[in-house]
Amino acid sequence: MNYFSERLLSFRHAFRGLHVLFVREPNAWLHLLATIGVSVLGYCYSLSPNEWIAIVLCVAIVFALELLNSSIEVLCDTLHPKRHPGIKRTKDLAAAAVLIGAIGALLVACFIFIPKIIAQ
C-alpha cells in the first residue's frame, strides 16, 4: 500500500469514528445543536475574525473531548464489563473533562455575545 492510500485509509477510519460518535452518543447531538445555534448567532451578529476563531476553537475542543471521553468509556467497558470502582472513577474523570470544556466554551460564547446583545 502506498503513502497516499494509507492516508486515505486513515481518513476513512477517522470519519468512521465521527459516525460512531453521532450514532451512539446522544450528547454529540447536543453539542452539534449548540454549534449550529452559535453559528447562526455569529452570522446574525457579524462576528469578527478573531471571535470566529475563538468559537471554532471552542467547538473543536468540546468535540475532541467528547470523542476522547467516548473512547475511554468504550475501552473501559470492553476491558472490564462489570462494575468496578476504578473504571467508574476513570469514566467520571473523562466526563468531567467534557464538562469543563463545555463550560469554557459557554463562557467564551457569553463573553462574545452578551455585549453584542446588550448593545442592540
PDB file of N, CA and C in Angstrom:
ATOM      1  N   MET A   1       0.849  -1.176   0.000  1.00  0.00           N
ATOM      2  CA  MET A   1       0.000   0.000   0.000  1.00  0.00           C
ATOM      3  C   MET A   1       0.897   1.243   0.000  1.00  0.00           C
ATOM      4  N   ASN A   2       0.611   2.190  -0.888  1.00  0.00           N
ATOM      5  CA  ASN A   2       1.457   3.378  -0.969  1.00  0.00           C
ATOM      6  C   ASN A   2       1.030   4.434   0.061  1.00  0.00           C
ATOM      7  N   TYR A   3       1.832   5.474   0.145  1.00  0.00           N
ATOM      8  CA  TYR A   3       1.623   6.526   1.147  1.00  0.00           C
ATOM      9  C   TYR A   3       0.234   7.154   1.014  1.00  0.00           C
ATOM     10  N   PHE A   4      -0.161   7.493  -0.212  1.00  0.00           N
ATOM     11  CA  PHE A   4      -1.452   8.142  -0.436  1.00  0.00           C
ATOM     12  C   PHE A   4      -2.609   7.228  -0.013  1.00  0.00           C
ATOM     13  N   SER A   5      -2.529   5.962  -0.338  1.00  0.00           N
ATOM     14  CA  SER A   5      -3.579   5.002   0.041  1.00  0.00           C
ATOM     15  C   SER A   5      -3.673   4.856   1.553  1.00  0.00           C
ATOM     16  N   GLU A   6      -2.526   4.846   2.217  1.00  0.00           N
ATOM     17  CA  GLU A   6      -2.520   4.749   3.684  1.00  0.00           C
ATOM     18  C   GLU A   6      -3.178   5.970   4.318  1.00  0.00           C
ATOM     19  N   ARG A   7      -2.906   7.164   3.774  1.00  0.00           N
ATOM     20  CA  ARG A   7      -3.521   8.379   4.309  1.00  0.00           C
ATOM     21  C   ARG A   7      -5.027   8.352   4.108  1.00  0.00           C
ATOM     22  N   LEU A   8      -5.450   7.921   2.939  1.00  0.00           N
ATOM     23  CA  LEU A   8      -6.880   7.825   2.656  1.00  0.00           C
ATOM     24  C   LEU A   8      -7.565   6.870   3.629  1.00  0.00           C
ATOM     25  N   LEU A   9      -6.911   5.765   3.902  1.00  0.00           N
ATOM     26  CA  LEU A   9      -7.455   4.781   4.833  1.00  0.00           C
ATOM     27  C   LEU A   9      -7.567   5.368   6.242  1.00  0.00           C
ATOM     28  N   SER A  10      -6.564   6.149   6.654  1.00  0.00           N
ATOM     29  CA  SER A  10      -6.619   6.749   7.991  1.00  0.00           C
ATOM     30  C   SER A  10      -7.756   7.769   8.082  1.00  0.00           C
ATOM     31  N   PHE A  11      -8.012   8.509   6.999  1.00  0.00           N
ATOM     32  CA  PHE A  11      -9.149   9.432   6.993  1.00  0.00           C
ATOM     33  C   PHE A  11     -10.465   8.659   7.068  1.00  0.00           C
ATOM     34  N   ARG A  12     -10.535   7.537   6.397  1.00  0.00           N
ATOM     35  CA  ARG A  12     -11.742   6.716   6.436  1.00  0.00           C
ATOM     36  C   ARG A  12     -12.013   6.257   7.871  1.00  0.00           C
ATOM     37  N   HIS A  13     -10.967   5.845   8.578  1.00  0.00           N
ATOM     38  CA  HIS A  13     -11.129   5.435   9.981  1.00  0.00           C
ATOM     39  C   HIS A  13     -11.613   6.611  10.836  1.00  0.00           C
ATOM     40  N   ALA A  14     -11.048   7.789  10.591  1.00  0.00           N
ATOM     41  CA  ALA A  14     -11.436   8.970  11.367  1.00  0.00           C
ATOM     42  C   ALA A  14     -12.903   9.324  11.130  1.00  0.00           C
ATOM     43  N   PHE A  15     -13.340   9.288   9.882  1.00  0.00           N
ATOM     44  CA  PHE A  15     -14.741   9.595   9.594  1.00  0.00           C
ATOM     45  C   PHE A  15     -15.670   8.518  10.151  1.00  0.00           C
ATOM     46  N   ARG A  16     -15.208   7.280  10.192  1.00  0.00           N
ATOM     47  CA  ARG A  16     -15.994   6.218  10.818  1.00  0.00           C
ATOM     48  C   ARG A  16     -16.158   6.522  12.312  1.00  0.00           C
ATOM     49  N   GLY A  17     -15.102   7.045  12.932  1.00  0.00           N
ATOM     50  CA  GLY A  17     -15.192   7.431  14.339  1.00  0.00           C
ATOM     51  C   GLY A  17     -16.220   8.526  14.565  1.00  0.00           C
ATOM     52  N   LEU A  18     -16.273   9.509  13.665  1.00  0.00           N
ATOM     53  CA  LEU A  18     -17.297  10.553  13.773  1.00  0.00           C
ATOM     54  C   LEU A  18     -18.694   9.959  13.621  1.00  0.00           C
ATOM     55  N   HIS A  19     -18.833   9.034  12.700  1.00  0.00           N
ATOM     56  CA  HIS A  19     -20.124   8.368  12.507  1.00  0.00           C
ATOM     57  C   HIS A  19     -20.542   7.641  13.786  1.00  0.00           C
ATOM     58  N   VAL A  20     -19.614   6.910  14.381  1.00  0.00           N
ATOM     59  CA  VAL A  20     -19.903   6.194  15.632  1.00  0.00           C
ATOM     60  C   VAL A  20     -20.311   7.187  16.718  1.00  0.00           C
ATOM     61  N   LEU A  21     -19.614   8.312  16.795  1.00  0.00           N
ATOM     62  CA  LEU A  21     -19.935   9.322  17.806  1.00  0.00           C
ATOM     63  C   LEU A  21     -21.390   9.764  17.683  1.00  0.00           C
ATOM     64  N   PHE A  22     -21.824  10.096  16.470  1.00  0.00           N
ATOM     65  CA  PHE A  22     -23.180  10.622  16.303  1.00  0.00           C
ATOM     66  C   PHE A  22     -24.252   9.540  16.365  1.00  0.00           C
ATOM     67  N   VAL A  23     -23.886   8.296  16.088  1.00  0.00           N
ATOM     68  CA  VAL A  23     -24.858   7.206  16.170  1.00  0.00           C
ATOM     69  C   VAL A  23     -25.041   6.738  17.612  1.00  0.00           C
ATOM     70  N   ARG A  24     -23.962   6.718  18.392  1.00  0.00           N
ATOM     71  CA  ARG A  24     -24.021   6.086  19.720  1.00  0.00           C
ATOM     72  C   ARG A  24     -23.989   7.048  20.902  1.00  0.00           C
ATOM     73  N   GLU A  25     -23.661   8.297  20.663  1.00  0.00           N
ATOM     74  CA  GLU A  25     -23.515   9.238  21.783  1.00  0.00           C
ATOM     75  C   GLU A  25     -24.516  10.386  21.662  1.00  0.00           C
ATOM     76  N   PRO A  26     -25.603  10.354  22.429  1.00  0.00           N
ATOM     77  CA  PRO A  26     -26.619  11.408  22.341  1.00  0.00           C
ATOM     78  C   PRO A  26     -26.074  12.808  22.633  1.00  0.00           C
ATOM     79  N   ASN A  27     -25.068  12.901  23.501  1.00  0.00           N
ATOM     80  CA  ASN A  27     -24.508  14.219  23.819  1.00  0.00           C
ATOM     81  C   ASN A  27     -23.876  14.883  22.605  1.00  0.00           C
ATOM     82  N   ALA A  28     -23.420  14.092  21.649  1.00  0.00           N
ATOM     83  CA  ALA A  28     -22.829  14.671  20.442  1.00  0.00           C
ATOM     84  C   ALA A  28     -23.861  15.515  19.698  1.00  0.00           C
ATOM     85  N   TRP A  29     -25.108  15.076  19.718  1.00  0.00           N
ATOM     86  CA  TRP A  29     -26.165  15.844  19.058  1.00  0.00           C
ATOM     87  C   TRP A  29     -26.432  17.154  19.796  1.00  0.00           C
ATOM     88  N   LEU A  30     -26.315  17.147  21.124  1.00  0.00           N
ATOM     89  CA  LEU A  30     -26.465  18.399  21.881  1.00  0.00           C
ATOM     90  C   LEU A  30     -25.349  19.375  21.519  1.00  0.00           C
ATOM     91  N   HIS A  31     -24.127  18.852  21.403  1.00  0.00           N
ATOM     92  CA  HIS A  31     -23.001  19.707  21.018  1.00  0.00           C
ATOM     93  C   HIS A  31     -23.194  20.238  19.600  1.00  0.00           C
ATOM     94  N   LEU A  32     -23.701  19.400  18.715  1.00  0.00           N
ATOM     95  CA  LEU A  32     -23.946  19.837  17.336  1.00  0.00           C
ATOM     96  C   LEU A  32     -25.034  20.905  17.292  1.00  0.00           C
ATOM     97  N   LEU A  33     -26.091  20.722  18.070  1.00  0.00           N
ATOM     98  CA  LEU A  33     -27.160  21.717  18.138  1.00  0.00           C
ATOM     99  C   LEU A  33     -26.625  23.045  18.672  1.00  0.00           C
ATOM    100  N   ALA A  34     -25.794  22.992  19.703  1.00  0.00           N
ATOM    101  CA  ALA A  34     -25.174  24.207  20.244  1.00  0.00           C
ATOM    102  C   ALA A  34     -24.277  24.862  19.198  1.00  0.00           C
ATOM    103  N   THR A  35     -23.548  24.054  18.442  1.00  0.00           N
ATOM    104  CA  THR A  35     -22.673  24.579  17.391  1.00  0.00           C
ATOM    105  C   THR A  35     -23.487  25.310  16.331  1.00  0.00           C
ATOM    106  N   ILE A  36     -24.597  24.719  15.927  1.00  0.00           N
ATOM    107  CA  ILE A  36     -25.458  25.361  14.929  1.00  0.00           C
ATOM    108  C   ILE A  36     -26.018  26.663  15.485  1.00  0.00           C
ATOM    109  N   GLY A  37     -26.481  26.633  16.735  1.00  0.00           N
ATOM    110  CA  GLY A  37     -27.019  27.842  17.357  1.00  0.00           C
ATOM    111  C   GLY A  37     -26.003  28.966  17.444  1.00  0.00           C
ATOM    112  N   VAL A  38     -24.798  28.643  17.874  1.00  0.00           N
ATOM    113  CA  VAL A  38     -23.740  29.651  17.984  1.00  0.00           C
ATOM    114  C   VAL A  38     -23.351  30.165  16.596  1.00  0.00           C
ATOM    115  N   SER A  39     -23.350  29.292  15.609  1.00  0.00           N
ATOM    116  CA  SER A  39     -23.011  29.706  14.245  1.00  0.00           C
ATOM    117  C   SER A  39     -24.055  30.671  13.689  1.00  0.00           C
ATOM    118  N   VAL A  40     -25.326  30.394  13.943  1.00  0.00           N
ATOM    119  CA  VAL A  40     -26.392  31.292  13.494  1.00  0.00           C
ATOM    120  C   VAL A  40     -26.264  32.639  14.200  1.00  0.00           C
ATOM    121  N   LEU A  41     -26.045  32.608  15.519  1.00  0.00           N
ATOM    122  CA  LEU A  41     -25.843  33.864  16.255  1.00  0.00           C
ATOM    123  C   LEU A  41     -24.632  34.623  15.725  1.00  0.00           C
ATOM    124  N   GLY A  42     -23.559  33.896  15.455  1.00  0.00           N
ATOM    125  CA  GLY A  42     -22.353  34.528  14.923  1.00  0.00           C
ATOM    126  C   GLY A  42     -22.603  35.214  13.602  1.00  0.00           C
ATOM    127  N   TYR A  43     -23.383  34.580  12.757  1.00  0.00           N
ATOM    128  CA  TYR A  43     -23.731  35.183  11.466  1.00  0.00           C
ATOM    129  C   TYR A  43     -24.601  36.421  11.684  1.00  0.00           C
ATOM    130  N   CYS A  44     -25.596  36.312  12.570  1.00  0.00           N
ATOM    131  CA  CYS A  44     -26.513  37.425  12.830  1.00  0.00           C
ATOM    132  C   CYS A  44     -25.797  38.634  13.429  1.00  0.00           C
ATOM    133  N   TYR A  45     -24.800  38.393  14.253  1.00  0.00           N
ATOM    134  CA  TYR A  45     -24.086  39.484  14.914  1.00  0.00           C
ATOM    135  C   TYR A  45     -22.769  39.833  14.231  1.00  0.00           C
ATOM    136  N   SER A  46     -22.531  39.315  13.051  1.00  0.00           N
ATOM    137  CA  SER A  46     -21.334  39.635  12.253  1.00  0.00           C
ATOM    138  C   SER A  46     -20.061  39.590  13.099  1.00  0.00           C
ATOM    139  N   LEU A  47     -19.740  38.414  13.590  1.00  0.00           N
ATOM    140  CA  LEU A  47     -18.545  38.270  14.418  1.00  0.00           C
ATOM    141  C   LEU A  47     -17.286  38.663  13.656  1.00  0.00           C
ATOM    142  N   SER A  48     -16.314  39.165  14.403  1.00  0.00           N
ATOM    143  CA  SER A  48     -15.011  39.485  13.824  1.00  0.00           C
ATOM    144  C   SER A  48     -14.255  38.180  13.562  1.00  0.00           C
ATOM    145  N   PRO A  49     -13.216  38.238  12.733  1.00  0.00           N
ATOM    146  CA  PRO A  49     -12.421  37.019  12.505  1.00  0.00           C
ATOM    147  C   PRO A  49     -11.884  36.407  13.804  1.00  0.00           C
ATOM    148  N   ASN A  50     -11.427  37.248  14.729  1.00  0.00           N
ATOM    149  CA  ASN A  50     -10.909  36.718  15.999  1.00  0.00           C
ATOM    150  C   ASN A  50     -12.003  36.052  16.834  1.00  0.00           C
ATOM    151  N   GLU A  51     -13.202  36.605  16.797  1.00  0.00           N
ATOM    152  CA  GLU A  51     -14.309  35.986  17.525  1.00  0.00           C
ATOM    153  C   GLU A  51     -14.668  34.633  16.905  1.00  0.00           C
ATOM    154  N   TRP A  52     -14.645  34.565  15.568  1.00  0.00           N
ATOM    155  CA  TRP A  52     -14.903  33.283  14.902  1.00  0.00           C
ATOM    156  C   TRP A  52     -13.831  32.259  15.261  1.00  0.00           C
ATOM    157  N   ILE A  53     -12.593  32.708  15.338  1.00  0.00           N
ATOM    158  CA  ILE A  53     -11.500  31.794  15.715  1.00  0.00           C
ATOM    159  C   ILE A  53     -11.763  31.216  17.103  1.00  0.00           C
ATOM    160  N   ALA A  54     -12.168  32.077  18.042  1.00  0.00           N
ATOM    161  CA  ALA A  54     -12.453  31.608  19.403  1.00  0.00           C
ATOM    162  C   ALA A  54     -13.596  30.591  19.399  1.00  0.00           C
ATOM    163  N   ILE A  55     -14.640  30.872  18.633  1.00  0.00           N
ATOM    164  CA  ILE A  55     -15.789  29.960  18.565  1.00  0.00           C
ATOM    165  C   ILE A  55     -15.377  28.623  17.958  1.00  0.00           C
ATOM    166  N   VAL A  56     -14.653  28.670  16.841  1.00  0.00           N
ATOM    167  CA  VAL A  56     -14.229  27.432  16.170  1.00  0.00           C
ATOM    168  C   VAL A  56     -13.332  26.602  17.088  1.00  0.00           C
ATOM    169  N   LEU A  57     -12.405  27.244  17.781  1.00  0.00           N
ATOM    170  CA  LEU A  57     -11.536  26.511  18.706  1.00  0.00           C
ATOM    171  C   LEU A  57     -12.338  25.874  19.839  1.00  0.00           C
ATOM    172  N   CYS A  58     -13.293  26.603  20.375  1.00  0.00           N
ATOM    173  CA  CYS A  58     -14.127  26.040  21.450  1.00  0.00           C
ATOM    174  C   CYS A  58     -14.919  24.833  20.958  1.00  0.00           C
ATOM    175  N   VAL A  59     -15.509  24.951  19.780  1.00  0.00           N
ATOM    176  CA  VAL A  59     -16.279  23.834  19.220  1.00  0.00           C
ATOM    177  C   VAL A  59     -15.372  22.626  19.011  1.00  0.00           C
ATOM    178  N   ALA A  60     -14.196  22.866  18.435  1.00  0.00           N
ATOM    179  CA  ALA A  60     -13.259  21.763  18.179  1.00  0.00           C
ATOM    180  C   ALA A  60     -12.818  21.102  19.483  1.00  0.00           C
ATOM    181  N   ILE A  61     -12.549  21.902  20.502  1.00  0.00           N
ATOM    182  CA  ILE A  61     -12.112  21.354  21.792  1.00  0.00           C
ATOM    183  C   ILE A  61     -13.214  20.500  22.417  1.00  0.00           C
ATOM    184  N   VAL A  62     -14.448  20.996  22.401  1.00  0.00           N
ATOM    185  CA  VAL A  62     -15.547  20.236  23.005  1.00  0.00           C
ATOM    186  C   VAL A  62     -15.764  18.916  22.262  1.00  0.00           C
ATOM    187  N   PHE A  63     -15.753  18.952  20.927  1.00  0.00           N
ATOM    188  CA  PHE A  63     -15.936  17.702  20.175  1.00  0.00           C
ATOM    189  C   PHE A  63     -14.761  16.752  20.388  1.00  0.00           C
ATOM    190  N   ALA A  64     -13.547  17.283  20.442  1.00  0.00           N
ATOM    191  CA  ALA A  64     -12.382  16.421  20.686  1.00  0.00           C
ATOM    192  C   ALA A  64     -12.481  15.766  22.062  1.00  0.00           C
ATOM    193  N   LEU A  65     -12.886  16.535  23.065  1.00  0.00           N
ATOM    194  CA  LEU A  65     -13.052  15.967  24.408  1.00  0.00           C
ATOM    195  C   LEU A  65     -14.164  14.924  24.439  1.00  0.00           C
ATOM    196  N   GLU A  66     -15.246  15.182  23.718  1.00  0.00           N
ATOM    197  CA  GLU A  66     -16.341  14.205  23.657  1.00  0.00           C
ATOM    198  C   GLU A  66     -15.872  12.909  22.999  1.00  0.00           C
ATOM    199  N   LEU A  67     -15.064  13.021  21.951  1.00  0.00           N
ATOM    200  CA  LEU A  67     -14.515  11.828  21.295  1.00  0.00           C
ATOM    201  C   LEU A  67     -13.592  11.056  22.242  1.00  0.00           C
ATOM    202  N   LEU A  68     -12.742  11.774  22.965  1.00  0.00           N
ATOM    203  CA  LEU A  68     -11.855  11.109  23.925  1.00  0.00           C
ATOM    204  C   LEU A  68     -12.653  10.447  25.046  1.00  0.00           C
ATOM    205  N   ASN A  69     -13.652  11.150  25.555  1.00  0.00           N
ATOM    206  CA  ASN A  69     -14.497  10.587  26.605  1.00  0.00           C
ATOM    207  C   ASN A  69     -15.183   9.312  26.117  1.00  0.00           C
ATOM    208  N   SER A  70     -15.736   9.363  24.932  1.00  0.00           N
ATOM    209  CA  SER A  70     -16.410   8.178  24.381  1.00  0.00           C
ATOM    210  C   SER A  70     -15.432   7.035  24.183  1.00  0.00           C
ATOM    211  N   SER A  71     -14.229   7.346  23.725  1.00  0.00           N
ATOM    212  CA  SER A  71     -13.203   6.309  23.535  1.00  0.00           C
ATOM    213  C   SER A  71     -12.833   5.652  24.857  1.00  0.00           C
ATOM    214  N   ILE A  72     -12.663   6.467  25.881  1.00  0.00           N
ATOM    215  CA  ILE A  72     -12.319   5.940  27.204  1.00  0.00           C
ATOM    216  C   ILE A  72     -13.445   5.055  27.732  1.00  0.00           C
ATOM    217  N   GLU A  73     -14.694   5.485  27.548  1.00  0.00           N
ATOM    218  CA  GLU A  73     -15.828   4.679  28.007  1.00  0.00           C
ATOM    219  C   GLU A  73     -15.878   3.326  27.302  1.00  0.00           C
ATOM    220  N   VAL A  74     -15.695   3.328  25.982  1.00  0.00           N
ATOM    221  CA  VAL A  74     -15.726   2.070  25.224  1.00  0.00           C
ATOM    222  C   VAL A  74     -14.592   1.157  25.671  1.00  0.00           C
ATOM    223  N   LEU A  75     -13.402   1.722  25.822  1.00  0.00           N
ATOM    224  CA  LEU A  75     -12.252   0.924  26.249  1.00  0.00           C
ATOM    225  C   LEU A  75     -12.485   0.330  27.638  1.00  0.00           C
ATOM    226  N   CYS A  76     -12.967   1.152  28.561  1.00  0.00           N
ATOM    227  CA  CYS A  76     -13.229   0.667  29.924  1.00  0.00           C
ATOM    228  C   CYS A  76     -14.285  -0.431  29.929  1.00  0.00           C
ATOM    229  N   ASP A  77     -15.366  -0.226  29.177  1.00  0.00           N
ATOM    230  CA  ASP A  77     -16.432  -1.233  29.127  1.00  0.00           C
ATOM    231  C   ASP A  77     -15.946  -2.531  28.497  1.00  0.00           C
ATOM    232  N   THR A  78     -15.042  -2.425  27.538  1.00  0.00           N
ATOM    233  CA  THR A  78     -14.504  -3.614  26.879  1.00  0.00           C
ATOM    234  C   THR A  78     -13.569  -4.378  27.808  1.00  0.00           C
ATOM    235  N   LEU A  79     -12.704  -3.648  28.506  1.00  0.00           N
ATOM    236  CA  LEU A  79     -11.725  -4.295  29.373  1.00  0.00           C
ATOM    237  C   LEU A  79     -12.333  -4.828  30.662  1.00  0.00           C
ATOM    238  N   HIS A  80     -13.354  -4.135  31.153  1.00  0.00           N
ATOM    239  CA  HIS A  80     -13.942  -4.529  32.438  1.00  0.00           C
ATOM    240  C   HIS A  80     -15.454  -4.308  32.372  1.00  0.00           C
ATOM    241  N   PRO A  81     -16.197  -5.260  31.776  1.00  0.00           N
ATOM    242  CA  PRO A  81     -17.644  -5.074  31.580  1.00  0.00           C
ATOM    243  C   PRO A  81     -18.453  -4.950  32.874  1.00  0.00           C
ATOM    244  N   LYS A  82     -17.967  -5.518  33.958  1.00  0.00           N
ATOM    245  CA  LYS A  82     -18.689  -5.427  35.230  1.00  0.00           C
ATOM    246  C   LYS A  82     -18.304  -4.134  35.947  1.00  0.00           C
ATOM    247  N   ARG A  83     -19.149  -3.761  36.907  1.00  0.00           N
ATOM    248  CA  ARG A  83     -18.866  -2.540  37.677  1.00  0.00           C
ATOM    249  C   ARG A  83     -17.558  -2.683  38.443  1.00  0.00           C
ATOM    250  N   HIS A  84     -16.799  -1.596  38.428  1.00  0.00           N
ATOM    251  CA  HIS A  84     -15.526  -1.574  39.149  1.00  0.00           C
ATOM    252  C   HIS A  84     -15.271  -0.126  39.561  1.00  0.00           C
ATOM    253  N   PRO A  85     -14.873   0.111  40.812  1.00  0.00           N
ATOM    254  CA  PRO A  85     -14.679   1.490  41.282  1.00  0.00           C
ATOM    255  C   PRO A  85     -13.636   2.261  40.465  1.00  0.00           C
ATOM    256  N   GLY A  86     -12.570   1.598  40.062  1.00  0.00           N
ATOM    257  CA  GLY A  86     -11.539   2.275  39.274  1.00  0.00           C
ATOM    258  C   GLY A  86     -12.038   2.669  37.895  1.00  0.00           C
ATOM    259  N   ILE A  87     -12.843   1.806  37.286  1.00  0.00           N
ATOM    260  CA  ILE A  87     -13.427   2.105  35.976  1.00  0.00           C
ATOM    261  C   ILE A  87     -14.413   3.262  36.109  1.00  0.00           C
ATOM    262  N   LYS A  88     -15.221   3.235  37.162  1.00  0.00           N
ATOM    263  CA  LYS A  88     -16.181   4.326  37.384  1.00  0.00           C
ATOM    264  C   LYS A  88     -15.458   5.656  37.546  1.00  0.00           C
ATOM    265  N   ARG A  89     -14.400   5.662  38.328  1.00  0.00           N
ATOM    266  CA  ARG A  89     -13.622   6.879  38.544  1.00  0.00           C
ATOM    267  C   ARG A  89     -13.035   7.381  37.225  1.00  0.00           C
ATOM    268  N   THR A  90     -12.505   6.466  36.425  1.00  0.00           N
ATOM    269  CA  THR A  90     -11.926   6.829  35.130  1.00  0.00           C
ATOM    270  C   THR A  90     -12.975   7.466  34.225  1.00  0.00           C
ATOM    271  N   LYS A  91     -14.144   6.843  34.161  1.00  0.00           N
ATOM    272  CA  LYS A  91     -15.218   7.372  33.321  1.00  0.00           C
ATOM    273  C   LYS A  91     -15.712   8.725  33.834  1.00  0.00           C
ATOM    274  N   ASP A  92     -15.810   8.869  35.142  1.00  0.00           N
ATOM    275  CA  ASP A  92     -16.235  10.145  35.724  1.00  0.00           C
ATOM    276  C   ASP A  92     -15.242  11.255  35.396  1.00  0.00           C
ATOM    277  N   LEU A  93     -13.956  10.945  35.480  1.00  0.00           N
ATOM    278  CA  LEU A  93     -12.929  11.940  35.162  1.00  0.00           C
ATOM    279  C   LEU A  93     -12.994  12.347  33.692  1.00  0.00           C
ATOM    280  N   ALA A  94     -13.186  11.380  32.813  1.00  0.00           N
ATOM    281  CA  ALA A  94     -13.283  11.688  31.383  1.00  0.00           C
ATOM    282  C   ALA A  94     -14.520  12.541  31.097  1.00  0.00           C
ATOM    283  N   ALA A  95     -15.628  12.222  31.749  1.00  0.00           N
ATOM    284  CA  ALA A  95     -16.846  13.017  31.576  1.00  0.00           C
ATOM    285  C   ALA A  95     -16.652  14.431  32.119  1.00  0.00           C
ATOM    286  N   ALA A  96     -15.916  14.555  33.216  1.00  0.00           N
ATOM    287  CA  ALA A  96     -15.641  15.878  33.788  1.00  0.00           C
ATOM    288  C   ALA A  96     -14.821  16.729  32.823  1.00  0.00           C
ATOM    289  N   ALA A  97     -13.929  16.103  32.065  1.00  0.00           N
ATOM    290  CA  ALA A  97     -13.140  16.850  31.077  1.00  0.00           C
ATOM    291  C   ALA A  97     -14.060  17.481  30.035  1.00  0.00           C
ATOM    292  N   VAL A  98     -15.063  16.734  29.589  1.00  0.00           N
ATOM    293  CA  VAL A  98     -16.024  17.277  28.624  1.00  0.00           C
ATOM    294  C   VAL A  98     -16.808  18.418  29.266  1.00  0.00           C
ATOM    295  N   LEU A  99     -17.219  18.228  30.511  1.00  0.00           N
ATOM    296  CA  LEU A  99     -17.970  19.266  31.213  1.00  0.00           C
ATOM    297  C   LEU A  99     -17.162  20.555  31.319  1.00  0.00           C
ATOM    298  N   ILE A 100     -15.899  20.454  31.700  1.00  0.00           N
ATOM    299  CA  ILE A 100     -15.037  21.636  31.817  1.00  0.00           C
ATOM    300  C   ILE A 100     -14.894  22.319  30.459  1.00  0.00           C
ATOM    301  N   GLY A 101     -14.682  21.529  29.409  1.00  0.00           N
ATOM    302  CA  GLY A 101     -14.573  22.098  28.063  1.00  0.00           C
ATOM    303  C   GLY A 101     -15.850  22.801  27.642  1.00  0.00           C
ATOM    304  N   ALA A 102     -16.992  22.188  27.937  1.00  0.00           N
ATOM    305  CA  ALA A 102     -18.274  22.780  27.562  1.00  0.00           C
ATOM    306  C   ALA A 102     -18.546  24.062  28.353  1.00  0.00           C
ATOM    307  N   ILE A 103     -18.205  24.068  29.633  1.00  0.00           N
ATOM    308  CA  ILE A 103     -18.373  25.288  30.439  1.00  0.00           C
ATOM    309  C   ILE A 103     -17.472  26.395  29.900  1.00  0.00           C
ATOM    310  N   GLY A 104     -16.235  26.054  29.574  1.00  0.00           N
ATOM    311  CA  GLY A 104     -15.326  27.041  28.986  1.00  0.00           C
ATOM    312  C   GLY A 104     -15.869  27.595  27.683  1.00  0.00           C
ATOM    313  N   ALA A 105     -16.417  26.727  26.840  1.00  0.00           N
ATOM    314  CA  ALA A 105     -16.990  27.168  25.566  1.00  0.00           C
ATOM    315  C   ALA A 105     -18.193  28.081  25.806  1.00  0.00           C
ATOM    316  N   LEU A 106     -19.015  27.730  26.791  1.00  0.00           N
ATOM    317  CA  LEU A 106     -20.167  28.564  27.127  1.00  0.00           C
ATOM    318  C   LEU A 106     -19.723  29.944  27.606  1.00  0.00           C
ATOM    319  N   LEU A 107     -18.684  29.989  28.431  1.00  0.00           N
ATOM    320  CA  LEU A 107     -18.172  31.279  28.908  1.00  0.00           C
ATOM    321  C   LEU A 107     -17.643  32.125  27.752  1.00  0.00           C
ATOM    322  N   VAL A 108     -16.911  31.509  26.841  1.00  0.00           N
ATOM    323  CA  VAL A 108     -16.408  32.247  25.672  1.00  0.00           C
ATOM    324  C   VAL A 108     -17.582  32.804  24.874  1.00  0.00           C
ATOM    325  N   ALA A 109     -18.609  31.982  24.656  1.00  0.00           N
ATOM    326  CA  ALA A 109     -19.789  32.448  23.922  1.00  0.00           C
ATOM    327  C   ALA A 109     -20.454  33.615  24.654  1.00  0.00           C
ATOM    328  N   CYS A 110     -20.537  33.532  25.976  1.00  0.00           N
ATOM    329  CA  CYS A 110     -21.121  34.634  26.758  1.00  0.00           C
ATOM    330  C   CYS A 110     -20.297  35.906  26.620  1.00  0.00           C
ATOM    331  N   PHE A 111     -18.972  35.787  26.710  1.00  0.00           N
ATOM    332  CA  PHE A 111     -18.104  36.960  26.565  1.00  0.00           C
ATOM    333  C   PHE A 111     -18.263  37.602  25.191  1.00  0.00           C
ATOM    334  N   ILE A 112     -18.510  36.802  24.183  1.00  0.00           N
ATOM    335  CA  ILE A 112     -18.647  37.328  22.823  1.00  0.00           C
ATOM    336  C   ILE A 112     -20.043  37.900  22.587  1.00  0.00           C
ATOM    337  N   PHE A 113     -21.082  37.166  22.979  1.00  0.00           N
ATOM    338  CA  PHE A 113     -22.434  37.539  22.571  1.00  0.00           C
ATOM    339  C   PHE A 113     -23.161  38.478  23.528  1.00  0.00           C
ATOM    340  N   ILE A 114     -22.930  38.387  24.822  1.00  0.00           N
ATOM    341  CA  ILE A 114     -23.678  39.239  25.757  1.00  0.00           C
ATOM    342  C   ILE A 114     -23.460  40.727  25.476  1.00  0.00           C
ATOM    343  N   PRO A 115     -22.216  41.198  25.289  1.00  0.00           N
ATOM    344  CA  PRO A 115     -22.059  42.623  24.967  1.00  0.00           C
ATOM    345  C   PRO A 115     -22.765  43.019  23.666  1.00  0.00           C
ATOM    346  N   LYS A 116     -22.778  42.138  22.685  1.00  0.00           N
ATOM    347  CA  LYS A 116     -23.441  42.438  21.416  1.00  0.00           C
ATOM    348  C   LYS A 116     -24.959  42.508  21.601  1.00  0.00           C
ATOM    349  N   ILE A 117     -25.497  41.618  22.433  1.00  0.00           N
ATOM    350  CA  ILE A 117     -26.937  41.616  22.687  1.00  0.00           C
ATOM    351  C   ILE A 117     -27.333  42.857  23.479  1.00  0.00           C
ATOM    352  N   ILE A 118     -26.534  43.217  24.481  1.00  0.00           N
ATOM    353  CA  ILE A 118     -26.817  44.407  25.296  1.00  0.00           C
ATOM    354  C   ILE A 118     -26.741  45.676  24.456  1.00  0.00           C
ATOM    355  N   ALA A 119     -25.796  45.728  23.517  1.00  0.00           N
ATOM    356  CA  ALA A 119     -25.581  46.927  22.696  1.00  0.00           C
ATOM    357  C   ALA A 119     -26.704  47.167  21.688  1.00  0.00           C
ATOM    358  N   GLN A 120     -27.563  46.217  21.485  1.00  0.00           N
ATOM    359  CA  GLN A 120     -28.640  46.380  20.496  1.00  0.00           C
ATOM    360  C   GLN A 120     -29.639  47.410  20.915  1.00  0.00           C
TER     361      GLN A 120
END
